Amino acid sequence: MTLMAQNIKLSEVREIIADIAFTAGHLQATGLIVINDSRELVNDISIWTDEFMNVHDQTDWDKELYLEAVDDFATLKLLSKYGSENNQ
């Protein structure tokens, strides 16, 4: 992989991490999830970023809505693990 390709991939990884983290913050602020261990969340975001990239490896983002896809993915993952009903 060329240096340019590596930089593009790193940029994509950073964007996905930021988008999942933003969704986590929103869901926590609205009371839909409860995060008791931030280090666990950071680890989960790392794992989910890899998973999202693998699932969407061949996705044509000119034909699919990236923000909708990453938000739906993150919301599903976050609610299933940190949903407030799971933390009572």
PDB file of N, CA and C in Angstrom:
ATOM      1  N   MET A   1       0.853  -1.171   0.000  1.00  0.00           N
ATOM      2  CA  MET A   1       0.000   0.000   0.000  1.00  0.00           C
ATOM      3  C   MET A   1       0.901   1.237   0.000  1.00  0.00           C
ATOM      4  N   THR A   2       0.576   2.161  -0.859  1.00  0.00           N
ATOM      5  CA  THR A   2       1.374   3.376  -0.957  1.00  0.00           C
ATOM      6  C   THR A   2       1.129   4.266   0.265  1.00  0.00           C
ATOM      7  N   LEU A   3       2.042   5.199   0.466  1.00  0.00           N
ATOM      8  CA  LEU A   3       1.893   6.132   1.577  1.00  0.00           C
ATOM      9  C   LEU A   3       0.612   6.943   1.433  1.00  0.00           C
ATOM     10  N   MET A   4       0.289   7.341   0.218  1.00  0.00           N
ATOM     11  CA  MET A   4      -0.940   8.103  -0.014  1.00  0.00           C
ATOM     12  C   MET A   4      -2.173   7.267   0.346  1.00  0.00           C
ATOM     13  N   ALA A   5      -2.182   6.002  -0.049  1.00  0.00           N
ATOM     14  CA  ALA A   5      -3.302   5.105   0.272  1.00  0.00           C
ATOM     15  C   ALA A   5      -3.397   4.897   1.783  1.00  0.00           C
ATOM     16  N   GLN A   6      -2.266   4.779   2.448  1.00  0.00           N
ATOM     17  CA  GLN A   6      -2.267   4.619   3.899  1.00  0.00           C
ATOM     18  C   GLN A   6      -2.851   5.861   4.575  1.00  0.00           C
ATOM     19  N   ASN A   7      -2.497   7.035   4.077  1.00  0.00           N
ATOM     20  CA  ASN A   7      -3.015   8.281   4.644  1.00  0.00           C
ATOM     21  C   ASN A   7      -4.523   8.406   4.436  1.00  0.00           C
ATOM     22  N   ILE A   8      -4.992   7.985   3.274  1.00  0.00           N
ATOM     23  CA  ILE A   8      -6.435   8.012   3.005  1.00  0.00           C
ATOM     24  C   ILE A   8      -7.158   7.059   3.944  1.00  0.00           C
ATOM     25  N   LYS A   9      -6.618   5.859   4.110  1.00  0.00           N
ATOM     26  CA  LYS A   9      -7.243   4.877   4.999  1.00  0.00           C
ATOM     27  C   LYS A   9      -7.242   5.394   6.438  1.00  0.00           C
ATOM     28  N   LEU A  10      -6.149   5.993   6.882  1.00  0.00           N
ATOM     29  CA  LEU A  10      -6.077   6.542   8.228  1.00  0.00           C
ATOM     30  C   LEU A  10      -7.112   7.650   8.407  1.00  0.00           C
ATOM     31  N   SER A  11      -7.282   8.447   7.397  1.00  0.00           N
ATOM     32  CA  SER A  11      -8.287   9.516   7.437  1.00  0.00           C
ATOM     33  C   SER A  11      -9.685   8.922   7.568  1.00  0.00           C
ATOM     34  N   GLU A  12      -9.971   7.851   6.849  1.00  0.00           N
ATOM     35  CA  GLU A  12     -11.268   7.182   6.936  1.00  0.00           C
ATOM     36  C   GLU A  12     -11.494   6.616   8.332  1.00  0.00           C
ATOM     37  N   VAL A  13     -10.459   5.998   8.900  1.00  0.00           N
ATOM     38  CA  VAL A  13     -10.549   5.426  10.247  1.00  0.00           C
ATOM     39  C   VAL A  13     -10.880   6.526  11.252  1.00  0.00           C
ATOM     40  N   ARG A  14     -10.165   7.636  11.152  1.00  0.00           N
ATOM     41  CA  ARG A  14     -10.404   8.747  12.077  1.00  0.00           C
ATOM     42  C   ARG A  14     -11.827   9.273  11.957  1.00  0.00           C
ATOM     43  N   GLU A  15     -12.327   9.368  10.755  1.00  0.00           N
ATOM     44  CA  GLU A  15     -13.681   9.871  10.549  1.00  0.00           C
ATOM     45  C   GLU A  15     -14.714   8.938  11.175  1.00  0.00           C
ATOM     46  N   ILE A  16     -14.539   7.637  10.992  1.00  0.00           N
ATOM     47  CA  ILE A  16     -15.477   6.664  11.560  1.00  0.00           C
ATOM     48  C   ILE A  16     -15.426   6.715  13.087  1.00  0.00           C
ATOM     49  N   ILE A  17     -14.228   6.778  13.645  1.00  0.00           N
ATOM     50  CA  ILE A  17     -14.085   6.880  15.104  1.00  0.00           C
ATOM     51  C   ILE A  17     -14.830   8.109  15.618  1.00  0.00           C
ATOM     52  N   ALA A  18     -14.607   9.235  14.960  1.00  0.00           N
ATOM     53  CA  ALA A  18     -15.257  10.481  15.383  1.00  0.00           C
ATOM     54  C   ALA A  18     -16.773  10.372  15.279  1.00  0.00           C
ATOM     55  N   ASP A  19     -17.264   9.777  14.207  1.00  0.00           N
ATOM     56  CA  ASP A  19     -18.713   9.663  14.023  1.00  0.00           C
ATOM     57  C   ASP A  19     -19.351   8.741  15.060  1.00  0.00           C
ATOM     58  N   ILE A  20     -18.703   7.628  15.366  1.00  0.00           N
ATOM     59  CA  ILE A  20     -19.234   6.721  16.391  1.00  0.00           C
ATOM     60  C   ILE A  20     -19.189   7.409  17.754  1.00  0.00           C
ATOM     61  N   ALA A  21     -18.103   8.094  18.047  1.00  0.00           N
ATOM     62  CA  ALA A  21     -17.984   8.804  19.324  1.00  0.00           C
ATOM     63  C   ALA A  21     -19.042   9.899  19.446  1.00  0.00           C
ATOM     64  N   PHE A  22     -19.291  10.619  18.356  1.00  0.00           N
ATOM     65  CA  PHE A  22     -20.328  11.658  18.364  1.00  0.00           C
ATOM     66  C   PHE A  22     -21.695  11.043  18.656  1.00  0.00           C
ATOM     67  N   THR A  23     -21.997   9.927  18.023  1.00  0.00           N
ATOM     68  CA  THR A  23     -23.267   9.239  18.262  1.00  0.00           C
ATOM     69  C   THR A  23     -23.357   8.785  19.712  1.00  0.00           C
ATOM     70  N   ALA A  24     -22.254   8.285  20.255  1.00  0.00           N
ATOM     71  CA  ALA A  24     -22.240   7.869  21.664  1.00  0.00           C
ATOM     72  C   ALA A  24     -22.541   9.055  22.576  1.00  0.00           C
ATOM     73  N   GLY A  25     -21.919  10.189  22.306  1.00  0.00           N
ATOM     74  CA  GLY A  25     -22.163  11.378  23.112  1.00  0.00           C
ATOM     75  C   GLY A  25     -23.613  11.823  23.046  1.00  0.00           C
ATOM     76  N   HIS A  26     -24.172  11.784  21.853  1.00  0.00           N
ATOM     77  CA  HIS A  26     -25.572  12.176  21.676  1.00  0.00           C
ATOM     78  C   HIS A  26     -26.502  11.227  22.435  1.00  0.00           C
ATOM     79  N   LEU A  27     -26.277   9.938  22.290  1.00  0.00           N
ATOM     80  CA  LEU A  27     -27.139   8.963  22.964  1.00  0.00           C
ATOM     81  C   LEU A  27     -27.002   9.054  24.478  1.00  0.00           C
ATOM     82  N   GLN A  28     -25.796   9.338  24.958  1.00  0.00           N
ATOM     83  CA  GLN A  28     -25.608   9.488  26.402  1.00  0.00           C
ATOM     84  C   GLN A  28     -26.288  10.766  26.895  1.00  0.00           C
ATOM     85  N   ALA A  29     -26.141  11.849  26.158  1.00  0.00           N
ATOM     86  CA  ALA A  29     -26.737  13.130  26.560  1.00  0.00           C
ATOM     87  C   ALA A  29     -28.269  13.059  26.600  1.00  0.00           C
ATOM     88  N   THR A  30     -28.840  12.221  25.746  1.00  0.00           N
ATOM     89  CA  THR A  30     -30.298  12.095  25.720  1.00  0.00           C
ATOM     90  C   THR A  30     -30.804  10.977  26.635  1.00  0.00           C
ATOM     91  N   GLY A  31     -29.888  10.333  27.362  1.00  0.00           N
ATOM     92  CA  GLY A  31     -30.269   9.320  28.336  1.00  0.00           C
ATOM     93  C   GLY A  31     -30.572   7.952  27.763  1.00  0.00           C
ATOM     94  N   LEU A  32     -30.258   7.737  26.501  1.00  0.00           N
ATOM     95  CA  LEU A  32     -30.556   6.439  25.883  1.00  0.00           C
ATOM     96  C   LEU A  32     -29.501   5.382  26.172  1.00  0.00           C
ATOM     97  N   ILE A  33     -28.286   5.827  26.507  1.00  0.00           N
ATOM     98  CA  ILE A  33     -27.243   4.892  26.909  1.00  0.00           C
ATOM     99  C   ILE A  33     -26.592   5.399  28.191  1.00  0.00           C
ATOM    100  N   VAL A  34     -26.001   4.461  28.916  1.00  0.00           N
ATOM    101  CA  VAL A  34     -25.263   4.774  30.139  1.00  0.00           C
ATOM    102  C   VAL A  34     -23.869   4.190  29.990  1.00  0.00           C
ATOM    103  N   ILE A  35     -22.870   5.058  30.099  1.00  0.00           N
ATOM    104  CA  ILE A  35     -21.479   4.629  29.974  1.00  0.00           C
ATOM    105  C   ILE A  35     -20.827   4.737  31.342  1.00  0.00           C
ATOM    106  N   ASN A  36     -20.458   3.587  31.897  1.00  0.00           N
ATOM    107  CA  ASN A  36     -19.834   3.553  33.216  1.00  0.00           C
ATOM    108  C   ASN A  36     -18.316   3.460  33.134  1.00  0.00           C
ATOM    109  N   ASP A  37     -17.799   3.006  32.019  1.00  0.00           N
ATOM    110  CA  ASP A  37     -16.356   2.804  31.870  1.00  0.00           C
ATOM    111  C   ASP A  37     -15.919   3.357  30.518  1.00  0.00           C
ATOM    112  N   SER A  38     -15.332   4.532  30.526  1.00  0.00           N
ATOM    113  CA  SER A  38     -14.953   5.180  29.267  1.00  0.00           C
ATOM    114  C   SER A  38     -13.893   4.390  28.507  1.00  0.00           C
ATOM    115  N   ARG A  39     -13.020   3.698  29.204  1.00  0.00           N
ATOM    116  CA  ARG A  39     -11.974   2.903  28.529  1.00  0.00           C
ATOM    117  C   ARG A  39     -12.606   1.738  27.771  1.00  0.00           C
ATOM    118  N   GLU A  40     -13.639   1.155  28.341  1.00  0.00           N
ATOM    119  CA  GLU A  40     -14.353   0.084  27.651  1.00  0.00           C
ATOM    120  C   GLU A  40     -15.001   0.625  26.382  1.00  0.00           C
ATOM    121  N   LEU A  41     -15.608   1.813  26.477  1.00  0.00           N
ATOM    122  CA  LEU A  41     -16.223   2.438  25.307  1.00  0.00           C
ATOM    123  C   LEU A  41     -15.186   2.709  24.225  1.00  0.00           C
ATOM    124  N   VAL A  42     -14.041   3.240  24.598  1.00  0.00           N
ATOM    125  CA  VAL A  42     -12.976   3.517  23.623  1.00  0.00           C
ATOM    126  C   VAL A  42     -12.561   2.225  22.921  1.00  0.00           C
ATOM    127  N   ASN A  43     -12.422   1.155  23.671  1.00  0.00           N
ATOM    128  CA  ASN A  43     -12.072  -0.135  23.082  1.00  0.00           C
ATOM    129  C   ASN A  43     -13.167  -0.613  22.137  1.00  0.00           C
ATOM    130  N   ASP A  44     -14.419  -0.476  22.553  1.00  0.00           N
ATOM    131  CA  ASP A  44     -15.537  -0.875  21.688  1.00  0.00           C
ATOM    132  C   ASP A  44     -15.558  -0.060  20.404  1.00  0.00           C
ATOM    133  N   ILE A  45     -15.326   1.242  20.507  1.00  0.00           N
ATOM    134  CA  ILE A  45     -15.319   2.086  19.313  1.00  0.00           C
ATOM    135  C   ILE A  45     -14.230   1.638  18.345  1.00  0.00           C
ATOM    136  N   SER A  46     -13.093   1.261  18.865  1.00  0.00           N
ATOM    137  CA  SER A  46     -12.007   0.760  18.014  1.00  0.00           C
ATOM    138  C   SER A  46     -12.428  -0.519  17.283  1.00  0.00           C
ATOM    139  N   ILE A  47     -13.026  -1.433  18.015  1.00  0.00           N
ATOM    140  CA  ILE A  47     -13.489  -2.701  17.426  1.00  0.00           C
ATOM    141  C   ILE A  47     -14.583  -2.431  16.398  1.00  0.00           C
ATOM    142  N   TRP A  48     -15.538  -1.572  16.741  1.00  0.00           N
ATOM    143  CA  TRP A  48     -16.658  -1.281  15.845  1.00  0.00           C
ATOM    144  C   TRP A  48     -16.200  -0.543  14.595  1.00  0.00           C
ATOM    145  N   THR A  49     -15.172   0.268  14.724  1.00  0.00           N
ATOM    146  CA  THR A  49     -14.626   0.957  13.548  1.00  0.00           C
ATOM    147  C   THR A  49     -14.094  -0.060  12.551  1.00  0.00           C
ATOM    148  N   ASP A  50     -13.324  -1.028  13.036  1.00  0.00           N
ATOM    149  CA  ASP A  50     -12.822  -2.090  12.162  1.00  0.00           C
ATOM    150  C   ASP A  50     -13.977  -2.860  11.534  1.00  0.00           C
ATOM    151  N   GLU A  51     -14.979  -3.164  12.348  1.00  0.00           N
ATOM    152  CA  GLU A  51     -16.138  -3.915  11.852  1.00  0.00           C
ATOM    153  C   GLU A  51     -16.876  -3.128  10.766  1.00  0.00           C
ATOM    154  N   PHE A  52     -17.102  -1.839  11.006  1.00  0.00           N
ATOM    155  CA  PHE A  52     -17.785  -1.003  10.024  1.00  0.00           C
ATOM    156  C   PHE A  52     -16.990  -0.962   8.724  1.00  0.00           C
ATOM    157  N   MET A  53     -15.680  -0.821   8.827  1.00  0.00           N
ATOM    158  CA  MET A  53     -14.842  -0.773   7.625  1.00  0.00           C
ATOM    159  C   MET A  53     -14.900  -2.088   6.861  1.00  0.00           C
ATOM    160  N   ASN A  54     -14.917  -3.199   7.570  1.00  0.00           N
ATOM    161  CA  ASN A  54     -14.990  -4.506   6.910  1.00  0.00           C
ATOM    162  C   ASN A  54     -16.343  -4.717   6.233  1.00  0.00           C
ATOM    163  N   VAL A  55     -17.411  -4.349   6.926  1.00  0.00           N
ATOM    164  CA  VAL A  55     -18.757  -4.505   6.368  1.00  0.00           C
ATOM    165  C   VAL A  55     -18.928  -3.641   5.123  1.00  0.00           C
ATOM    166  N   HIS A  56     -18.352  -2.459   5.144  1.00  0.00           N
ATOM    167  CA  HIS A  56     -18.554  -1.496   4.059  1.00  0.00           C
ATOM    168  C   HIS A  56     -17.326  -1.353   3.153  1.00  0.00           C
ATOM    169  N   ASP A  57     -16.506  -2.367   3.129  1.00  0.00           N
ATOM    170  CA  ASP A  57     -15.274  -2.330   2.335  1.00  0.00           C
ATOM    171  C   ASP A  57     -15.525  -2.028   0.859  1.00  0.00           C
ATOM    172  N   GLN A  58     -16.611  -2.532   0.325  1.00  0.00           N
ATOM    173  CA  GLN A  58     -16.913  -2.351  -1.101  1.00  0.00           C
ATOM    174  C   GLN A  58     -18.062  -1.370  -1.352  1.00  0.00           C
ATOM    175  N   THR A  59     -18.490  -0.680  -0.311  1.00  0.00           N
ATOM    176  CA  THR A  59     -19.617   0.235  -0.461  1.00  0.00           C
ATOM    177  C   THR A  59     -19.221   1.437  -1.317  1.00  0.00           C
ATOM    178  N   ASP A  60     -20.082   1.774  -2.232  1.00  0.00           N
ATOM    179  CA  ASP A  60     -19.889   2.962  -3.073  1.00  0.00           C
ATOM    180  C   ASP A  60     -20.601   4.127  -2.386  1.00  0.00           C
ATOM    181  N   TRP A  61     -19.831   4.994  -1.725  1.00  0.00           N
ATOM    182  CA  TRP A  61     -20.412   6.083  -0.957  1.00  0.00           C
ATOM    183  C   TRP A  61     -20.990   7.175  -1.847  1.00  0.00           C
ATOM    184  N   ASP A  62     -20.790   7.068  -3.136  1.00  0.00           N
ATOM    185  CA  ASP A  62     -21.477   7.979  -4.054  1.00  0.00           C
ATOM    186  C   ASP A  62     -22.929   7.551  -4.252  1.00  0.00           C
ATOM    187  N   LYS A  63     -23.219   6.286  -3.934  1.00  0.00           N
ATOM    188  CA  LYS A  63     -24.569   5.752  -4.094  1.00  0.00           C
ATOM    189  C   LYS A  63     -25.258   5.499  -2.752  1.00  0.00           C
ATOM    190  N   GLU A  64     -24.496   5.407  -1.694  1.00  0.00           N
ATOM    191  CA  GLU A  64     -25.028   5.159  -0.345  1.00  0.00           C
ATOM    192  C   GLU A  64     -24.753   6.382   0.528  1.00  0.00           C
ATOM    193  N   LEU A  65     -25.585   6.586   1.523  1.00  0.00           N
ATOM    194  CA  LEU A  65     -25.417   7.712   2.438  1.00  0.00           C
ATOM    195  C   LEU A  65     -24.534   7.289   3.616  1.00  0.00           C
ATOM    196  N   TYR A  66     -23.299   7.776   3.600  1.00  0.00           N
ATOM    197  CA  TYR A  66     -22.335   7.402   4.640  1.00  0.00           C
ATOM    198  C   TYR A  66     -22.841   7.761   6.033  1.00  0.00           C
ATOM    199  N   LEU A  67     -23.271   9.004   6.232  1.00  0.00           N
ATOM    200  CA  LEU A  67     -23.665   9.437   7.576  1.00  0.00           C
ATOM    201  C   LEU A  67     -24.820   8.614   8.127  1.00  0.00           C
ATOM    202  N   GLU A  68     -25.761   8.265   7.286  1.00  0.00           N
ATOM    203  CA  GLU A  68     -26.873   7.424   7.718  1.00  0.00           C
ATOM    204  C   GLU A  68     -26.372   6.031   8.083  1.00  0.00           C
ATOM    205  N   ALA A  69     -25.483   5.492   7.276  1.00  0.00           N
ATOM    206  CA  ALA A  69     -24.961   4.145   7.524  1.00  0.00           C
ATOM    207  C   ALA A  69     -24.170   4.085   8.827  1.00  0.00           C
ATOM    208  N   VAL A  70     -23.277   5.033   9.039  1.00  0.00           N
ATOM    209  CA  VAL A  70     -22.448   4.997  10.247  1.00  0.00           C
ATOM    210  C   VAL A  70     -23.286   5.312  11.487  1.00  0.00           C
ATOM    211  N   ASP A  71     -24.248   6.217  11.367  1.00  0.00           N
ATOM    212  CA  ASP A  71     -25.107   6.533  12.502  1.00  0.00           C
ATOM    213  C   ASP A  71     -25.979   5.339  12.876  1.00  0.00           C
ATOM    214  N   ASP A  72     -26.582   4.686  11.895  1.00  0.00           N
ATOM    215  CA  ASP A  72     -27.403   3.497  12.165  1.00  0.00           C
ATOM    216  C   ASP A  72     -26.564   2.392  12.793  1.00  0.00           C
ATOM    217  N   PHE A  73     -25.375   2.166  12.245  1.00  0.00           N
ATOM    218  CA  PHE A  73     -24.466   1.134  12.754  1.00  0.00           C
ATOM    219  C   PHE A  73     -24.105   1.434  14.208  1.00  0.00           C
ATOM    220  N   ALA A  74     -23.661   2.661  14.463  1.00  0.00           N
ATOM    221  CA  ALA A  74     -23.233   3.042  15.805  1.00  0.00           C
ATOM    222  C   ALA A  74     -24.390   2.975  16.796  1.00  0.00           C
ATOM    223  N   THR A  75     -25.548   3.460  16.395  1.00  0.00           N
ATOM    224  CA  THR A  75     -26.715   3.447  17.276  1.00  0.00           C
ATOM    225  C   THR A  75     -27.078   2.020  17.667  1.00  0.00           C
ATOM    226  N   LEU A  76     -27.095   1.124  16.713  1.00  0.00           N
ATOM    227  CA  LEU A  76     -27.394  -0.283  16.996  1.00  0.00           C
ATOM    228  C   LEU A  76     -26.386  -0.873  17.980  1.00  0.00           C
ATOM    229  N   LYS A  77     -25.108  -0.667  17.723  1.00  0.00           N
ATOM    230  CA  LYS A  77     -24.062  -1.210  18.602  1.00  0.00           C
ATOM    231  C   LYS A  77     -24.146  -0.613  20.002  1.00  0.00           C
ATOM    232  N   LEU A  78     -24.285   0.701  20.072  1.00  0.00           N
ATOM    233  CA  LEU A  78     -24.301   1.390  21.362  1.00  0.00           C
ATOM    234  C   LEU A  78     -25.522   1.030  22.185  1.00  0.00           C
ATOM    235  N   LEU A  79     -26.698   0.995  21.566  1.00  0.00           N
ATOM    236  CA  LEU A  79     -27.909   0.642  22.304  1.00  0.00           C
ATOM    237  C   LEU A  79     -27.875  -0.799  22.786  1.00  0.00           C
ATOM    238  N   SER A  80     -27.334  -1.695  21.959  1.00  0.00           N
ATOM    239  CA  SER A  80     -27.314  -3.099  22.368  1.00  0.00           C
ATOM    240  C   SER A  80     -26.363  -3.337  23.541  1.00  0.00           C
ATOM    241  N   LYS A  81     -25.293  -2.554  23.637  1.00  0.00           N
ATOM    242  CA  LYS A  81     -24.341  -2.762  24.724  1.00  0.00           C
ATOM    243  C   LYS A  81     -24.570  -1.826  25.908  1.00  0.00           C
ATOM    244  N   TYR A  82     -24.882  -0.584  25.625  1.00  0.00           N
ATOM    245  CA  TYR A  82     -24.953   0.441  26.683  1.00  0.00           C
ATOM    246  C   TYR A  82     -26.348   1.003  26.903  1.00  0.00           C
ATOM    247  N   GLY A  83     -27.344   0.426  26.230  1.00  0.00           N
ATOM    248  CA  GLY A  83     -28.704   0.941  26.372  1.00  0.00           C
ATOM    249  C   GLY A  83     -29.095   1.055  27.837  1.00  0.00           C
ATOM    250  N   SER A  84     -29.772   2.136  28.178  1.00  0.00           N
ATOM    251  CA  SER A  84     -30.072   2.404  29.591  1.00  0.00           C
ATOM    252  C   SER A  84     -30.857   1.263  30.234  1.00  0.00           C
ATOM    253  N   GLU A  85     -31.659   0.536  29.464  1.00  0.00           N
ATOM    254  CA  GLU A  85     -32.379  -0.614  30.034  1.00  0.00           C
ATOM    255  C   GLU A  85     -31.434  -1.764  30.361  1.00  0.00           C
ATOM    256  N   ASN A  86     -30.251  -1.784  29.733  1.00  0.00           N
ATOM    257  CA  ASN A  86     -29.258  -2.819  30.023  1.00  0.00           C
ATOM    258  C   ASN A  86     -28.424  -2.504  31.249  1.00  0.00           C
ATOM    259  N   ASN A  87     -28.509  -1.282  31.748  1.00  0.00           N
ATOM    260  CA  ASN A  87     -27.638  -0.828  32.829  1.00  0.00           C
ATOM    261  C   ASN A  87     -28.397  -0.512  34.117  1.00  0.00           C
ATOM    262  N   GLN A  88     -29.542  -1.123  34.291  1.00  0.00           N
ATOM    263  CA  GLN A  88     -30.317  -0.837  35.514  1.00  0.00           C
ATOM    264  C   GLN A  88     -29.982  -1.828  36.601  1.00  0.00           C
TER     265      GLN A  88
END
